[in-house]
């Protein structure tokens, strides 16, 4: 019998981030304003339509742009509207400009956020609050998020990152950098939920193997620890910005080399048979 509750894969991400936005804003007011949020989403959608049509001559599904626009709309903090629009535009443009072997190698929103922090830090900041005492909202979002990530078979990435983060938080507390509970507090914030559920699990920018994905998640947490030791406020974004593209390029080159070796061996076998 056909499953009446089947959700097409392309709708899972948009539905999850929509639920996160609604729950987070209704329960805690995380948005900087619905008008600014709309600017981010609208800019992302328009930019996706423009760049994809310009480069390929075709129209494309907008689920990825919708997720990027939502993420930018949640993360950016500014009294002005243009940082929301520019973050979204840079995020989408990065997919078409910075490519390797036909693939974009940065998570779009992560790229947009880090670039904006470098060029416009005097005009914008990034959401970095925790849920405070409103733990039910956090638990509800995590439950929906985890179930969704399991459905798309990316839960292992989230699990390894969270475990690694907790381990390195414990290391930092032993080094006298802070109290353990204070070190793990960022995990309760919407910023980290976006980071864990959407950025490090982005299907287009993760490496090809399960073990590789888990190792990269560990490396991201490791590099993040060093940024935190240097008192970088937005440590996870910087860590993913560095580790993610390098890992993906190495993975692509490794698979190309492996495929070339297989083809060479097949050619030798064919020649031997002749």
Protein backbone atom coordinates (compact mmCIF):
# COMPACT_ATOMS: atom_id res chain seq x y z
CA UNK A 1 0.00 0.00 0.00
CA UNK A 2 1.29 3.45 -0.89
CA UNK A 3 2.54 5.53 2.01
CA UNK A 4 0.13 8.45 2.41
CA UNK A 5 2.68 10.42 4.40
CA UNK A 6 5.52 10.14 1.90
CA UNK A 7 7.48 13.40 1.59
CA UNK A 8 9.50 13.88 -1.61
CA UNK A 9 13.22 14.27 -0.75
CA UNK A 10 13.34 17.74 -2.27
CA UNK A 11 10.72 18.99 0.19
CA UNK A 12 12.31 17.64 3.36
CA UNK A 13 14.84 20.45 3.79
CA UNK A 14 12.39 23.30 3.11
CA UNK A 15 9.76 21.81 5.43
CA UNK A 16 12.31 21.32 8.20
CA UNK A 17 13.71 24.84 8.04
CA UNK A 18 10.20 26.31 7.83
CA UNK A 19 9.27 24.43 11.01
CA UNK A 20 12.48 25.62 12.66
CA UNK A 21 11.82 29.25 11.72
CA UNK A 22 8.24 29.21 12.98
CA UNK A 23 9.04 27.39 16.21
CA UNK A 24 12.11 29.48 16.95
CA UNK A 25 10.46 32.82 16.30
CA UNK A 26 7.14 32.08 18.00
CA UNK A 27 8.84 30.67 21.08
CA UNK A 28 11.86 32.95 21.31
CA UNK A 29 11.63 35.71 18.67
CA UNK A 30 14.89 34.84 16.91
CA UNK A 31 14.16 36.79 13.73
CA UNK A 32 15.39 40.36 13.37
CA UNK A 33 12.09 41.17 11.68
CA UNK A 34 9.82 39.47 9.19
CA UNK A 35 10.56 42.18 6.63
CA UNK A 36 14.31 41.54 6.80
CA UNK A 37 13.70 37.81 6.72
CA UNK A 38 11.59 38.23 3.58
CA UNK A 39 14.37 40.28 1.98
CA UNK A 40 16.84 37.45 2.54
CA UNK A 41 14.53 34.74 1.20
CA UNK A 42 13.40 36.84 -1.76
CA UNK A 43 16.97 37.77 -2.71
CA UNK A 44 18.10 34.14 -2.54
CA UNK A 45 15.26 32.99 -4.79
CA UNK A 46 15.79 35.77 -7.35
CA UNK A 47 19.56 35.22 -7.37
CA UNK A 48 19.09 31.47 -7.90
CA UNK A 49 16.72 32.06 -10.81
CA UNK A 50 19.05 34.64 -12.37
CA UNK A 51 22.36 32.78 -12.09
CA UNK A 52 21.00 29.37 -13.07
CA UNK A 53 19.14 30.77 -16.06
CA UNK A 54 22.15 32.85 -17.10
CA UNK A 55 24.60 29.95 -16.95
CA UNK A 56 22.50 26.96 -17.99
CA UNK A 57 19.63 28.55 -19.90
CA UNK A 58 17.19 26.56 -17.77
CA UNK A 59 15.01 27.09 -14.72
CA UNK A 60 15.69 25.07 -11.59
CA UNK A 61 14.09 23.84 -8.39
CA UNK A 62 14.29 26.56 -5.73
CA UNK A 63 14.41 24.39 -2.58
CA UNK A 64 18.15 25.01 -2.11
CA UNK A 65 17.71 28.78 -2.53
CA UNK A 66 14.81 28.72 -0.08
CA UNK A 67 16.94 26.99 2.56
CA UNK A 68 19.84 29.42 2.00
CA UNK A 69 17.52 32.42 2.22
CA UNK A 70 15.92 31.13 5.41
CA UNK A 71 19.32 30.50 6.97
CA UNK A 72 20.56 33.97 6.05
CA UNK A 73 17.34 35.51 7.33
CA UNK A 74 17.74 33.79 10.69
CA UNK A 75 21.47 34.25 11.16
CA UNK A 76 22.07 37.85 10.09
CA UNK A 77 21.64 40.64 12.62
CA UNK A 78 21.64 44.24 11.39
CA UNK A 79 19.59 47.41 11.77
CA UNK A 80 19.64 47.69 7.97
CA UNK A 81 18.10 45.53 5.23
CA UNK A 82 20.99 45.37 2.78
CA UNK A 83 23.18 42.93 4.81
CA UNK A 84 20.36 40.39 4.62
CA UNK A 85 20.09 40.80 0.86
CA UNK A 86 23.86 40.79 0.28
CA UNK A 87 24.44 37.70 2.45
CA UNK A 88 21.77 35.81 0.50
CA UNK A 89 23.10 37.02 -2.86
CA UNK A 90 26.71 36.08 -2.05
CA UNK A 91 25.56 32.68 -0.78
CA UNK A 92 23.78 31.84 -4.03
CA UNK A 93 26.44 33.38 -6.29
CA UNK A 94 29.13 31.24 -4.63
CA UNK A 95 27.50 28.10 -6.05
CA UNK A 96 28.09 29.33 -9.59
CA UNK A 97 31.43 31.11 -9.17
CA UNK A 98 33.53 28.92 -6.88
CA UNK A 99 33.36 25.47 -8.42
CA UNK A 100 35.67 22.48 -8.80
CA UNK A 101 35.08 19.79 -11.38
CA UNK A 102 31.57 21.11 -11.93
CA UNK A 103 30.58 21.22 -8.22
CA UNK A 104 30.37 24.08 -5.77
CA UNK A 105 32.64 23.32 -2.85
CA UNK A 106 31.38 25.65 -0.11
CA UNK A 107 28.10 25.39 1.70
CA UNK A 108 26.39 28.48 0.24
CA UNK A 109 25.14 30.08 3.45
CA UNK A 110 28.37 29.35 5.29
CA UNK A 111 30.29 31.05 2.48
CA UNK A 112 27.98 34.07 2.46
CA UNK A 113 28.10 34.49 6.23
CA UNK A 114 31.91 34.25 6.48
CA UNK A 115 32.47 36.65 3.57
CA UNK A 116 30.07 39.17 5.12
CA UNK A 117 31.86 38.88 8.47
CA UNK A 118 35.08 39.74 6.65
CA UNK A 119 33.81 42.65 4.55
CA UNK A 120 30.92 44.11 6.56
CA UNK A 121 31.43 43.22 10.22
CA UNK A 122 30.78 46.85 11.16
CA UNK A 123 27.28 46.63 9.68
CA UNK A 124 26.12 43.16 10.70
CA UNK A 125 26.59 40.34 13.18
CA UNK A 126 25.46 36.73 13.45
CA UNK A 127 22.79 35.31 15.72
CA UNK A 128 24.52 33.79 18.74
CA UNK A 129 21.85 33.52 21.45
CA UNK A 130 20.78 30.43 23.38
CA UNK A 131 17.25 29.27 24.17
CA UNK A 132 17.54 30.25 27.82
CA UNK A 133 14.88 28.51 29.89
CA UNK A 134 12.68 27.69 26.90
CA UNK A 135 14.04 24.18 26.50
CA UNK A 136 10.82 22.66 25.12
CA UNK A 137 11.15 24.64 21.90
CA UNK A 138 14.74 23.48 21.50
CA UNK A 139 13.81 19.86 22.16
CA UNK A 140 10.91 19.98 19.70
CA UNK A 141 13.12 21.39 16.95
CA UNK A 142 15.86 18.86 17.66
CA UNK A 143 13.34 16.01 17.56
CA UNK A 144 11.96 17.08 14.19
CA UNK A 145 15.46 17.80 12.91
CA UNK A 146 16.92 14.47 13.99
CA UNK A 147 14.03 12.50 12.51
CA UNK A 148 14.46 14.37 9.23
CA UNK A 149 18.22 13.93 9.15
CA UNK A 150 17.77 10.21 9.81
CA UNK A 151 15.36 10.05 6.88
CA UNK A 152 17.94 11.54 4.52
CA UNK A 153 20.68 9.33 6.04
CA UNK A 154 22.90 12.10 7.39
CA UNK A 155 22.41 11.55 11.12
CA UNK A 156 25.91 10.10 11.52
CA UNK A 157 27.39 13.48 10.54
CA UNK A 158 25.39 15.32 13.20
CA UNK A 159 26.14 12.70 15.83
CA UNK A 160 29.90 12.71 15.26
CA UNK A 161 30.04 16.49 15.26
CA UNK A 162 28.03 16.83 18.49
CA UNK A 163 30.06 14.14 20.26
CA UNK A 164 33.30 15.73 19.04
CA UNK A 165 32.11 19.18 20.12
CA UNK A 166 31.33 17.87 23.61
CA UNK A 167 34.72 16.16 23.83
CA UNK A 168 36.64 19.27 22.77
CA UNK A 169 34.52 21.40 25.09
CA UNK A 170 35.66 19.13 27.91
CA UNK A 171 39.28 19.56 26.74
CA UNK A 172 38.89 23.33 26.73
CA UNK A 173 37.44 23.25 30.25
CA UNK A 174 40.45 21.23 31.44
CA UNK A 175 42.74 23.83 29.89
CA UNK A 176 41.12 26.45 32.05
CA UNK A 177 39.30 28.14 29.20
CA UNK A 178 35.94 27.97 30.97
CA UNK A 179 33.39 25.87 32.81
CA UNK A 180 32.26 22.76 30.92
CA UNK A 181 28.56 23.68 31.00
CA UNK A 182 29.38 27.12 29.65
CA UNK A 183 31.50 25.58 26.91
CA UNK A 184 28.66 23.38 25.66
CA UNK A 185 25.97 26.08 25.99
CA UNK A 186 26.19 27.14 22.30
CA UNK A 187 24.63 23.81 21.31
CA UNK A 188 21.33 25.04 22.73
CA UNK A 189 21.18 28.00 20.34
CA UNK A 190 19.41 28.26 16.99
CA UNK A 191 22.70 29.23 15.33
CA UNK A 192 24.15 25.80 16.09
CA UNK A 193 20.96 24.04 15.11
CA UNK A 194 21.14 25.61 11.65
CA UNK A 195 24.83 24.78 11.48
CA UNK A 196 24.40 21.14 12.48
CA UNK A 197 21.16 20.33 10.64
CA UNK A 198 21.79 22.20 7.39
CA UNK A 199 25.38 23.32 6.87
CA UNK A 200 27.53 20.33 7.73
CA UNK A 201 24.96 17.91 6.26
CA UNK A 202 24.49 19.75 2.95
CA UNK A 203 24.29 16.87 0.40
CA UNK A 204 26.08 18.88 -2.31
CA UNK A 205 29.12 19.73 -0.21
CA UNK A 206 29.81 16.61 1.84
CA UNK A 207 32.33 13.97 0.84
CA UNK A 208 31.19 10.77 -0.82
CA UNK A 209 31.74 8.09 1.83
CA UNK A 210 30.10 7.59 5.19
CA UNK A 211 33.43 7.19 7.00
CA UNK A 212 34.76 10.25 5.22
CA UNK A 213 31.74 12.31 6.28
CA UNK A 214 32.23 11.27 9.88
CA UNK A 215 35.95 12.10 9.77
CA UNK A 216 35.24 15.53 8.26
CA UNK A 217 32.67 16.24 11.00
CA UNK A 218 35.35 15.40 13.57
CA UNK A 219 37.86 17.68 11.82
CA UNK A 220 35.39 20.56 11.76
CA UNK A 221 34.91 20.24 15.52
CA UNK A 222 38.69 20.02 16.00
CA UNK A 223 39.44 23.14 13.95
CA UNK A 224 36.56 24.91 15.68
CA UNK A 225 38.22 24.21 19.02
CA UNK A 226 41.34 26.10 17.94
CA UNK A 227 39.25 29.04 16.77
CA UNK A 228 37.49 29.02 20.13
CA UNK A 229 40.82 28.97 21.93
CA UNK A 230 41.60 32.09 19.93
CA UNK A 231 38.30 33.57 21.16
CA UNK A 232 36.70 33.63 17.70
CA UNK A 233 33.00 34.26 18.25
CA UNK A 234 31.87 32.53 15.07
CA UNK A 235 34.24 29.59 15.31
CA UNK A 236 32.02 26.89 13.69
CA UNK A 237 31.49 28.95 10.53
CA UNK A 238 35.21 29.56 10.13
CA UNK A 239 35.99 25.89 10.73
CA UNK A 240 33.53 24.68 8.10
CA UNK A 241 34.72 27.39 5.68
CA UNK A 242 38.24 25.92 5.84
CA UNK A 243 37.68 22.19 6.31
CA UNK A 244 34.65 21.62 4.07
CA UNK A 245 36.08 22.72 0.68
CA UNK A 246 39.48 21.12 1.29
CA UNK A 247 37.86 17.81 2.20
CA UNK A 248 35.57 17.91 -0.83
CA UNK A 249 38.39 18.71 -3.28
CA UNK A 250 40.51 15.89 -1.86
CA UNK A 251 37.55 13.53 -2.09
CA UNK A 252 36.87 14.45 -5.72
CA UNK A 253 40.52 14.02 -6.71
CA UNK A 254 40.75 10.70 -4.85
CA UNK A 255 37.66 9.34 -6.61
CA UNK A 256 38.98 10.50 -9.98
CA UNK A 257 42.28 8.74 -9.31
CA UNK A 258 40.48 5.61 -8.15
CA UNK A 259 38.25 5.57 -11.24
CA UNK A 260 41.29 6.08 -13.47
CA UNK A 261 43.06 3.12 -11.84
CA UNK A 262 39.97 0.94 -12.30
CA UNK A 263 39.71 1.91 -15.97
CA UNK A 264 43.40 1.22 -16.45
CA UNK A 265 43.12 -2.22 -14.86
CA UNK A 266 40.06 -2.96 -17.00
CA UNK A 267 41.99 -1.94 -20.09
CA UNK A 268 44.86 -4.23 -19.20
CA UNK A 269 42.48 -7.15 -18.66
CA UNK A 270 40.80 -6.50 -22.01
CA UNK A 271 44.16 -6.30 -23.76
CA UNK A 272 45.29 -9.54 -22.16
CA UNK A 273 42.17 -11.32 -23.37
CA UNK A 274 42.80 -10.13 -26.92
